Structure formats: structure tokens, C-alpha cells
Amino acid sequence: MNLNPEIFSTIGYLSVICWVVAALLCLIYWKLPSRVLCTLALALTIAGFFFARSNSENYVNRIQLDRSEEIAKQEAMEQARKKALLDSRGDEVAKVRFAEDGAGDYLDRAGMDETDLKYFEKEGVLDKPDWKKNKKKRSGAGADDDSIESAIGGKKVIEGVEDDTFVEDEESKPVFMMEEDMVMANRLDHLNLRVTLVMMIVGILLVLFDYLRRANIHGKSSFPLPLPSSWLNAITPMPPVLTIEKRGKESVENELARLAKRGDSFILLTDNSSRTNKLPASLLKFPVIGQQEHLIPVTGEIDDEFIFESVWYGRSSFVVDSEQRAQKMLGCFLKQLAIRKDARAKVAQTAHIVWDLHSSMPAASKQELEKLAQATGFSVLLIGGKPSSTPEAESNSQLNSQAEPLTS
């Protein structure tokens, strides 16, 4: 079956190319997830969607059935019928032809009676006499027709411009096709409209999936929103311990602002009081409704267990600017998290322990905290990237360095 290339316009073929390339990008995304790929796929699906509708409204809807073959067959049948009539009255054909004879004068009018003349004229075999034609023209024209169109030969004038100067718009001209091609064009147009709609929905879902996939990946997430942590962890679980390199004076504040926009609560453990004094009293949590996440400075009057409960249920976030209080707070959190782990309890929204002290977190505490945080839904952010160290670890590293030349 030969497919007529004119069943679609150029815009229509562009729509097909757009959704085909978008489908390929979606397949590549599952092997190589990338924000650029899903964004480009969505842009192509949207373009293909509008191209397909433009092709349907401005081209396919103008397709009309081409009846040229049918008309040719009817004319051939009419000629055959006239020839059969002439053959049946062949004895009445004039024997002599004159130069002034008309197209139908080869029949002998003089040899026919009035009934035969009317019959042949009705069938279109004989031309009507000139005097009858002139009479019809004279009787057809109105005597009182004194319009401008009649005076200038029947041409219509609209505001002084003749109508033959207007050119029909190319987009409004009908497109003639055979019945088979016309049916195929409408079927493919309907299929193209459906596919572009489905692909656009797939493109939107792919972008949303990529957004959720990157939400728990530090450095690749974008536009943090207060979404349920269960949605984010179902695709990419939050790491229980994450080390973040400090970049500039505003890095810690920016990180805290990101956590607040995610809807997460946190406790900042630091020994830099000058930095905590510069922190705002609250952070913007949800820009649309203006919700704020309050930062409460920890003083001696606030109980550690109360702080833990507030962070666990996401009521508020706290700031500790004393190393001694931070070490004590860490011990309290380890104890409370162990109780929650035994009870198989888990936070509804991710809570964070932000460690921003000059001294590194003890290795034993870090290892224990990692297990508890993974079981309870907490997350530990280590600012600065200093590796944990213990006296035993340092002595072992020195022994290994001394032993290396001997083994070589």
C-alpha cells in the first residue's frame, strides 16, 4: 500500500518528529537519568501537541473527496448514451454537411417531426437554434435591472474594487484527495492527536518524577517544596549521614533555608556564636502562604528532651552555639533515638542534626547515630567535611604508614 505523502502538512510531520524524538529521550532517561533530558522531552511533547492540533485544524479538516474520476466516468457514460441514440436514428443523419452547420446540425432537422426534435434537444444531442437561445437571453434579463453590476457586464463591485482582484486564502482552499487517502489522513490525524496528548502527559510525569528523584540528592535538587518525606524517600531515600563542604560565609544559612523550605525541622549544633547571632529569627518555609520556620536559641532553661520532641514532631527548629551544650545535646539525641528505634517509631517529616563544630563528631557517636537515624528517619549533616578521628585510629594510621616501606 502506497501512502500519500500529502495526507499531512509540514507542521503535521513536525509533530510526528517531535513526539518520536521525545519518546527516544524518555527511553534514554531510564538508563541515564538527567534533568536536561526530561526537560527537553517535555518541551518536544508540548511542541508536538500544538503542531498536531494545527495540522488537524488547518490542513486535515480542509481535505475533501476528489470526484474527478467519478465525473469522468459519468461523462463517458453520457457520451456513450448519446452515441447509442444517434446510432438508433442513423437514417436521419444529414448526408450533406455545410460550413455554417452547428455541432448538432449533422442530424436532419427538416426530416424530424416536432416530437423528435424536442426529444433530441432534451437529450442534449441537438443544439437549440440560435433564435431560441437569443430569446431565452432576452427573456432572462430583467428590464428594470439598472444595477452597477449589470451596467459593467455583471461583475460585482465591493466598495469600488472588483471581486476578481481578491485572492482566496491558501489556508482556506480545500485539499482534494481520493477516498482511500482521505480516510487514511483522518485516521492518522486522530492517532497523531491521541499520541501527542499521551506523550505530553508522559513528559509532565517524567519531569515530576525527576524532581522527586533529585529532591534528596544534595547539590542536584532544585526549588525545594514542603512535600511529604514519604514521597521523596520512596524514590531516593534520604542518606542518614551526609557531609557538606562549607563554601563561603553564607553556606550554612543557605543550607538551613533549604531545609526550612523542604518543611523539615532541624537542630543546629555549632560553636560559632557570632554566626548564630547573624541568623534570622525565622526562615521562610512556604513562600505562597508566607509560612515561617522559627529558629529558637537554646538556653539553659530549655530541657533537652523537650527540644528532641519539638524537632521530632516538626514544631520548631533550634540553634545551639556552645560546644559543651552541643556534646550534651548529641548524647540526649542518641538516647532518645534508641528508644524510638526500639519502638519502631519514625518521624513523619525528615528531621536533621546539623553538626557545624570545629571539632569532628566522635567516630563511635557517628557510627551509632547513622544506624539510629536510618531507622527513625533522621538525617545528620556534617558541615565542613572533617573526617572523624579517634586516638586509636590515629595510632593505627601511623603504624600502617611505618609498615608500608618494609612491605614494599
Protein backbone atom coordinates (compact mmCIF):
# COMPACT_ATOMS: atom_id res chain seq x y z
CA MET A 1 0.00 0.00 0.00
CA ASN A 2 1.46 3.33 -1.10
CA LEU A 3 0.99 6.11 1.43
CA ASN A 4 0.16 9.51 0.01
CA PRO A 5 2.76 11.97 1.38
CA GLU A 6 0.19 14.78 1.24
CA ILE A 7 -2.02 13.33 3.98
CA PHE A 8 -0.17 15.62 6.44
CA SER A 9 1.19 19.12 6.12
CA THR A 10 4.74 20.08 7.05
CA ILE A 11 3.52 21.04 10.53
CA GLY A 12 1.91 17.62 10.86
CA TYR A 13 5.15 15.81 10.05
CA LEU A 14 6.97 18.06 12.54
CA SER A 15 4.56 16.95 15.25
CA VAL A 16 5.36 13.31 14.49
CA ILE A 17 9.10 14.01 14.63
CA CYS A 18 8.69 15.84 17.96
CA TRP A 19 6.90 13.04 19.79
CA VAL A 20 9.11 10.32 18.29
CA VAL A 21 12.28 12.11 19.47
CA ALA A 22 10.63 12.77 22.85
CA ALA A 23 9.86 9.06 23.20
CA LEU A 24 13.50 8.21 22.48
CA LEU A 25 14.65 10.73 25.10
CA CYS A 26 12.32 9.14 27.66
CA LEU A 27 13.86 5.73 26.97
CA ILE A 28 17.37 7.16 27.31
CA TYR A 29 16.36 8.81 30.60
CA TRP A 30 15.68 5.46 32.25
CA LYS A 31 19.26 4.42 31.50
CA LEU A 32 20.91 7.80 32.06
CA PRO A 33 18.72 9.99 34.32
CA SER A 34 19.29 13.64 33.54
CA ARG A 35 17.40 16.83 34.22
CA VAL A 36 18.25 18.11 30.74
CA LEU A 37 16.82 15.03 29.02
CA CYS A 38 13.44 15.15 30.77
CA THR A 39 13.13 18.91 30.28
CA LEU A 40 13.92 18.60 26.56
CA ALA A 41 11.47 15.70 26.24
CA LEU A 42 8.70 17.78 27.82
CA ALA A 43 9.44 20.74 25.51
CA LEU A 44 9.24 18.47 22.45
CA THR A 45 5.97 16.88 23.58
CA ILE A 46 4.37 20.30 24.11
CA ALA A 47 5.56 21.46 20.66
CA GLY A 48 4.31 18.24 19.07
CA PHE A 49 0.93 18.65 20.81
CA PHE A 50 0.34 22.11 19.34
CA PHE A 51 1.77 21.15 15.93
CA ALA A 52 -0.64 18.20 15.75
CA ARG A 53 -3.64 20.40 16.51
CA SER A 54 -2.57 22.99 13.98
CA ASN A 55 -2.22 20.28 11.34
CA SER A 56 -5.64 18.86 12.18
CA GLU A 57 -7.49 22.20 12.17
CA ASN A 58 -5.73 23.95 9.31
CA TYR A 59 -4.99 21.07 6.94
CA VAL A 60 -6.76 17.76 7.56
CA ASN A 61 -10.13 19.46 8.11
CA ARG A 62 -9.81 21.03 4.63
CA ILE A 63 -9.46 17.68 2.86
CA GLN A 64 -12.36 16.97 0.50
CA LEU A 65 -13.20 13.99 -1.65
CA ASP A 66 -11.78 14.18 -5.19
CA ARG A 67 -14.61 13.25 -7.61
CA SER A 68 -12.70 13.76 -10.83
CA GLU A 69 -12.70 10.06 -11.70
CA GLU A 70 -16.38 9.76 -10.89
CA ILE A 71 -17.17 12.79 -13.06
CA ALA A 72 -15.08 11.38 -15.90
CA LYS A 73 -16.97 8.10 -15.69
CA GLN A 74 -20.30 9.94 -15.78
CA GLU A 75 -19.21 11.94 -18.83
CA ALA A 76 -18.08 8.79 -20.58
CA MET A 77 -21.43 7.14 -19.87
CA GLU A 78 -23.23 10.23 -21.14
CA GLN A 79 -21.23 10.21 -24.38
CA ALA A 80 -21.93 6.52 -24.81
CA ARG A 81 -25.65 7.09 -24.27
CA LYS A 82 -25.73 9.90 -26.85
CA LYS A 83 -23.85 7.77 -29.32
CA ALA A 84 -26.35 4.94 -28.82
CA LEU A 85 -29.21 7.35 -29.52
CA LEU A 86 -27.53 8.59 -32.68
CA ASP A 87 -26.87 5.06 -33.85
CA SER A 88 -30.54 4.18 -33.38
CA ARG A 89 -31.58 7.18 -35.58
CA GLY A 90 -28.80 6.88 -38.11
CA ASP A 91 -31.18 7.12 -41.08
CA GLU A 92 -32.00 10.69 -40.08
CA VAL A 93 -28.39 11.88 -40.25
CA ALA A 94 -27.90 14.53 -42.88
CA LYS A 95 -25.99 13.29 -45.94
CA VAL A 96 -24.50 16.67 -46.71
CA ARG A 97 -22.59 18.94 -44.25
CA PHE A 98 -22.23 22.66 -44.76
CA ALA A 99 -19.68 25.03 -43.33
CA GLU A 100 -22.33 27.00 -41.50
CA ASP A 101 -23.79 23.93 -39.77
CA GLY A 102 -23.62 23.79 -35.98
CA ALA A 103 -22.49 20.93 -33.76
CA GLY A 104 -25.89 19.32 -33.83
CA ASP A 105 -26.76 20.12 -37.42
CA TYR A 106 -25.48 16.80 -38.70
CA LEU A 107 -28.97 15.48 -37.91
CA ASP A 108 -31.54 16.41 -40.41
CA ARG A 109 -33.90 18.67 -38.53
CA ALA A 110 -36.09 19.04 -41.56
CA GLY A 111 -36.73 15.31 -41.61
CA MET A 112 -37.92 15.17 -37.99
CA ASP A 113 -41.31 15.92 -36.63
CA GLU A 114 -41.86 18.18 -33.63
CA THR A 115 -41.81 15.30 -31.12
CA ASP A 116 -38.41 14.02 -32.33
CA LEU A 117 -36.91 17.49 -32.28
CA LYS A 118 -37.96 18.07 -28.67
CA TYR A 119 -36.69 14.64 -27.63
CA PHE A 120 -33.23 15.11 -29.14
CA GLU A 121 -32.95 18.63 -27.81
CA LYS A 122 -33.88 17.41 -24.35
CA GLU A 123 -31.26 14.66 -24.50
CA GLY A 124 -28.64 17.22 -25.50
CA VAL A 125 -27.90 15.64 -28.87
CA LEU A 126 -29.19 18.58 -30.90
CA ASP A 127 -28.19 22.19 -30.30
CA LYS A 128 -31.03 24.60 -29.89
CA PRO A 129 -31.48 27.10 -32.71
CA ASP A 130 -29.87 30.49 -32.31
CA TRP A 131 -33.18 32.26 -32.28
CA LYS A 132 -34.30 30.21 -29.27
CA LYS A 133 -31.06 30.94 -27.42
CA ASN A 134 -31.36 34.66 -28.07
CA LYS A 135 -34.97 34.60 -26.99
CA LYS A 136 -34.02 32.95 -23.72
CA LYS A 137 -31.31 35.52 -23.08
CA ARG A 138 -33.68 38.38 -23.79
CA SER A 139 -36.40 36.99 -21.57
CA GLY A 140 -33.94 36.14 -18.76
CA ALA A 141 -32.57 39.68 -18.33
CA GLY A 142 -34.74 41.91 -16.22
CA ALA A 143 -35.96 45.04 -17.91
CA ASP A 144 -35.70 47.05 -14.72
CA ASP A 145 -32.19 45.80 -13.81
CA ASP A 146 -30.26 49.07 -13.65
CA SER A 147 -27.70 47.95 -11.00
CA ILE A 148 -23.98 48.72 -11.25
CA GLU A 149 -23.18 45.02 -11.73
CA SER A 150 -25.49 44.86 -14.76
CA ALA A 151 -24.09 48.07 -16.24
CA ILE A 152 -20.48 46.83 -16.14
CA GLY A 153 -21.20 43.40 -17.52
CA GLY A 154 -22.29 41.50 -14.44
CA LYS A 155 -19.12 41.98 -12.39
CA LYS A 156 -19.71 42.57 -8.73
CA VAL A 157 -18.09 45.60 -7.16
CA ILE A 158 -17.47 45.95 -3.44
CA GLU A 159 -16.57 49.44 -2.40
CA GLY A 160 -15.09 50.24 -5.81
CA VAL A 161 -12.93 47.07 -6.09
CA GLU A 162 -13.81 44.25 -8.46
CA ASP A 163 -14.18 40.84 -6.86
CA ASP A 164 -11.74 39.18 -9.25
CA THR A 165 -8.92 41.11 -7.52
CA PHE A 166 -9.44 39.10 -4.32
CA VAL A 167 -7.24 36.04 -3.96
CA GLU A 168 -8.53 33.12 -1.96
CA ASP A 169 -6.57 32.45 1.20
CA GLU A 170 -4.25 29.49 0.83
CA GLU A 171 -5.29 28.09 4.22
CA SER A 172 -8.98 28.13 3.25
CA LYS A 173 -8.53 26.34 -0.05
CA PRO A 174 -9.78 22.75 0.02
CA VAL A 175 -7.36 19.86 -0.39
CA PHE A 176 -8.71 17.22 -2.79
CA MET A 177 -7.84 13.57 -2.27
CA MET A 178 -9.12 10.20 -3.32
CA GLU A 179 -11.45 8.47 -0.89
CA GLU A 180 -8.80 5.98 0.27
CA ASP A 181 -6.27 8.73 1.02
CA MET A 182 -8.88 10.88 2.72
CA VAL A 183 -9.89 8.06 5.07
CA MET A 184 -6.22 7.32 5.85
CA ALA A 185 -5.49 11.01 6.54
CA ASN A 186 -8.34 11.25 9.06
CA ARG A 187 -7.31 8.02 10.78
CA LEU A 188 -3.68 9.04 11.11
CA ASP A 189 -4.70 12.53 12.25
CA HIS A 190 -6.86 11.04 15.01
CA LEU A 191 -4.00 8.75 16.04
CA ASN A 192 -1.49 11.61 15.99
CA LEU A 193 -3.71 13.75 18.21
CA ARG A 194 -4.06 10.93 20.73
CA VAL A 195 -0.34 10.09 20.75
CA THR A 196 0.77 13.72 21.20
CA LEU A 197 -1.65 14.12 24.13
CA VAL A 198 -0.38 10.94 25.78
CA MET A 199 3.25 11.93 25.19
CA MET A 200 2.68 15.37 26.72
CA ILE A 201 1.21 13.74 29.85
CA VAL A 202 4.18 11.34 29.95
CA GLY A 203 6.57 14.30 29.62
CA ILE A 204 4.93 16.11 32.54
CA LEU A 205 5.02 12.96 34.70
CA LEU A 206 8.67 12.40 33.79
CA VAL A 207 9.62 15.93 34.87
CA LEU A 208 7.74 15.47 38.17
CA PHE A 209 9.43 12.12 38.72
CA ASP A 210 12.84 13.63 38.04
CA TYR A 211 12.08 16.44 40.50
CA LEU A 212 11.20 13.92 43.23
CA ARG A 213 14.23 11.79 42.34
CA ARG A 214 16.62 14.71 42.83
CA ALA A 215 14.96 16.13 45.95
CA ASN A 216 17.07 14.05 48.34
CA ILE A 217 20.29 14.35 46.32
CA HIS A 218 22.30 17.26 47.70
CA GLY A 219 23.59 19.58 45.00
CA LYS A 220 21.14 18.31 42.36
CA SER A 221 17.84 19.25 43.96
CA SER A 222 16.01 22.39 42.84
CA PHE A 223 13.08 24.50 44.02
CA PRO A 224 12.59 22.81 47.43
CA LEU A 225 8.94 22.44 48.39
CA PRO A 226 7.34 21.20 51.64
CA LEU A 227 6.35 17.81 50.26
CA PRO A 228 5.81 14.71 52.43
CA SER A 229 9.09 12.96 53.07
CA SER A 230 7.47 9.61 52.24
CA TRP A 231 7.10 10.74 48.61
CA LEU A 232 10.75 11.70 48.33
CA ASN A 233 12.13 8.71 50.21
CA ALA A 234 10.08 6.30 48.10
CA ILE A 235 12.18 7.24 45.06
CA THR A 236 15.51 8.32 46.59
CA PRO A 237 15.93 7.63 50.32
CA MET A 238 17.48 10.39 52.39
CA PRO A 239 21.05 9.42 53.39
CA PRO A 240 21.36 9.07 57.19
CA VAL A 241 24.73 10.88 57.20
CA LEU A 242 25.73 13.50 54.66
CA THR A 243 28.95 15.52 54.59
CA ILE A 244 28.66 19.02 53.10
CA GLU A 245 31.64 21.15 52.18
CA LYS A 246 31.47 24.69 53.51
CA ARG A 247 31.51 27.25 50.71
CA GLY A 248 31.50 30.87 51.84
CA LYS A 249 30.11 32.58 54.91
CA GLU A 250 26.51 32.16 53.80
CA SER A 251 26.71 28.42 53.11
CA VAL A 252 25.33 27.34 56.50
CA GLU A 253 22.48 29.85 56.39
CA ASN A 254 21.61 28.80 52.83
CA GLU A 255 21.57 25.16 53.88
CA LEU A 256 19.25 25.91 56.78
CA ALA A 257 16.98 27.89 54.45
CA ARG A 258 16.84 24.90 52.09
CA LEU A 259 15.82 22.57 54.93
CA ALA A 260 13.11 25.01 56.03
CA LYS A 261 11.67 25.23 52.50
CA ARG A 262 11.52 21.43 52.41
CA GLY A 263 9.33 21.56 55.51
CA ASP A 264 11.97 19.78 57.61
CA SER A 265 12.86 20.67 61.19
CA PHE A 266 16.45 20.72 62.43
CA ILE A 267 18.78 21.46 65.30
CA LEU A 268 21.99 23.36 64.53
CA LEU A 269 24.95 22.43 66.74
CA THR A 270 27.73 24.98 66.40
CA ASP A 271 30.40 26.73 68.46
CA ASN A 272 30.41 29.96 66.46
CA SER A 273 28.26 32.42 68.42
CA SER A 274 28.95 35.28 66.00
CA ARG A 275 27.41 33.26 63.19
CA THR A 276 24.33 32.34 65.19
CA ASN A 277 23.78 35.99 66.06
CA LYS A 278 23.54 36.76 62.35
CA LEU A 279 20.90 34.09 61.73
CA PRO A 280 17.36 35.41 61.30
CA ALA A 281 14.70 34.72 63.90
CA SER A 282 12.72 32.72 61.33
CA LEU A 283 13.17 31.26 57.87
CA LEU A 284 10.66 31.35 55.05
CA LYS A 285 9.04 27.92 54.89
CA PHE A 286 6.39 28.23 52.20
CA PRO A 287 6.56 31.38 50.02
CA VAL A 288 2.97 31.28 48.74
CA ILE A 289 1.27 31.46 52.14
CA GLY A 290 4.19 33.11 53.97
CA GLN A 291 4.66 30.30 56.50
CA GLN A 292 7.77 30.70 58.68
CA GLU A 293 10.10 28.24 60.41
CA HIS A 294 11.14 29.78 63.75
CA LEU A 295 14.74 29.41 64.96
CA ILE A 296 14.82 29.14 68.76
CA PRO A 297 18.18 29.76 70.51
CA VAL A 298 18.82 27.10 73.13
CA THR A 299 19.41 28.41 76.64
CA GLY A 300 19.92 26.64 79.95
CA GLU A 301 16.21 26.84 80.73
CA ILE A 302 15.16 24.62 77.81
CA ASP A 303 15.18 20.91 78.52
CA ASP A 304 16.99 18.63 76.04
CA GLU A 305 14.12 16.16 75.85
CA PHE A 306 11.71 19.00 75.07
CA ILE A 307 13.98 20.05 72.22
CA PHE A 308 14.09 16.50 70.90
CA GLU A 309 10.28 16.16 70.98
CA SER A 310 9.84 19.50 69.19
CA VAL A 311 12.27 18.52 66.45
CA TRP A 312 10.75 15.02 66.19
CA TYR A 313 7.24 16.37 65.56
CA GLY A 314 8.45 19.28 63.39
CA ARG A 315 7.16 22.02 65.68
CA SER A 316 10.26 24.24 65.62
CA SER A 317 13.98 24.32 64.86
CA PHE A 318 16.70 25.11 67.38
CA VAL A 319 20.19 26.59 67.44
CA VAL A 320 22.91 25.59 69.94
CA ASP A 321 26.01 27.84 69.95
CA SER A 322 28.02 26.15 72.71
CA GLU A 323 30.28 23.15 72.12
CA GLN A 324 29.69 21.84 75.63
CA ARG A 325 25.91 22.06 75.22
CA ALA A 326 26.19 20.57 71.75
CA GLN A 327 28.03 17.50 73.03
CA LYS A 328 25.41 17.08 75.77
CA MET A 329 22.61 17.52 73.21
CA LEU A 330 24.16 14.85 70.99
CA GLY A 331 24.12 12.36 73.88
CA CYS A 332 20.45 13.12 74.60
CA PHE A 333 19.51 12.64 70.94
CA LEU A 334 21.34 9.28 70.81
CA LYS A 335 19.44 8.09 73.87
CA GLN A 336 16.03 9.25 72.60
CA LEU A 337 16.61 7.87 69.09
CA ALA A 338 17.49 4.47 70.55
CA ILE A 339 14.15 4.47 72.41
CA ARG A 340 12.30 5.39 69.21
CA LYS A 341 14.17 2.69 67.27
CA ASP A 342 13.16 0.02 69.77
CA ALA A 343 9.55 1.19 69.47
CA ARG A 344 9.87 1.16 65.64
CA ALA A 345 8.79 4.79 65.54
CA LYS A 346 9.65 7.04 62.63
CA VAL A 347 9.31 10.76 62.00
CA ALA A 348 6.57 11.86 59.59
CA GLN A 349 8.80 14.58 58.14
CA THR A 350 12.58 14.27 57.96
CA ALA A 351 14.42 15.91 60.89
CA HIS A 352 18.08 16.91 60.73
CA ILE A 353 21.00 17.22 63.09
CA VAL A 354 23.35 19.84 61.62
CA TRP A 355 26.88 19.47 63.02
CA ASP A 356 28.87 22.70 62.49
CA LEU A 357 31.58 22.47 65.13
CA HIS A 358 35.31 22.87 64.62
CA SER A 359 35.87 19.52 66.29
CA SER A 360 34.78 16.46 64.37
CA MET A 361 31.99 14.23 65.62
CA PRO A 362 33.40 11.24 67.52
CA ALA A 363 33.57 8.17 65.31
CA ALA A 364 31.66 5.96 67.75
CA SER A 365 28.85 8.50 68.08
CA LYS A 366 28.75 8.98 64.33
CA GLN A 367 28.50 5.25 63.66
CA GLU A 368 25.76 4.78 66.24
CA LEU A 369 23.92 7.87 65.07
CA GLU A 370 23.99 6.64 61.48
CA LYS A 371 22.19 3.40 62.43
CA LEU A 372 19.61 5.20 64.56
CA ALA A 373 18.98 7.92 62.00
CA GLN A 374 18.37 5.40 59.22
CA ALA A 375 15.84 3.52 61.37
CA THR A 376 13.96 6.58 62.61
CA GLY A 377 14.02 8.90 59.57
CA PHE A 378 16.57 11.37 60.90
CA SER A 379 19.44 12.78 58.87
CA VAL A 380 22.84 14.03 60.03
CA LEU A 381 24.50 16.88 58.12
CA LEU A 382 28.20 17.32 58.78
CA ILE A 383 29.27 20.83 57.76
CA GLY A 384 32.91 21.30 56.80
CA GLY A 385 33.81 17.76 55.76
CA LYS A 386 36.30 17.00 58.53
CA PRO A 387 36.80 13.24 58.89
CA SER A 388 36.07 11.70 62.24
CA SER A 389 39.12 10.60 64.17
CA THR A 390 39.98 8.83 67.41
CA PRO A 391 43.32 8.24 69.18
CA GLU A 392 43.16 4.56 68.19
CA ALA A 393 42.55 5.46 64.55
CA GLU A 394 45.46 7.91 64.54
CA SER A 395 47.88 5.37 66.06
CA ASN A 396 46.77 2.70 63.59
CA SER A 397 47.33 5.06 60.67
CA GLN A 398 50.85 5.85 61.94
CA LEU A 399 51.70 2.16 62.27
CA ASN A 400 50.40 1.47 58.76
CA SER A 401 52.49 4.32 57.33
CA GLN A 402 55.60 2.97 59.04
CA ALA A 403 54.93 -0.56 57.86
CA GLU A 404 54.47 0.35 54.20
CA PRO A 405 58.20 0.80 53.35
CA LEU A 406 59.02 -2.56 54.99
CA THR A 407 56.45 -4.45 52.89
CA SER A 408 57.50 -2.74 49.70
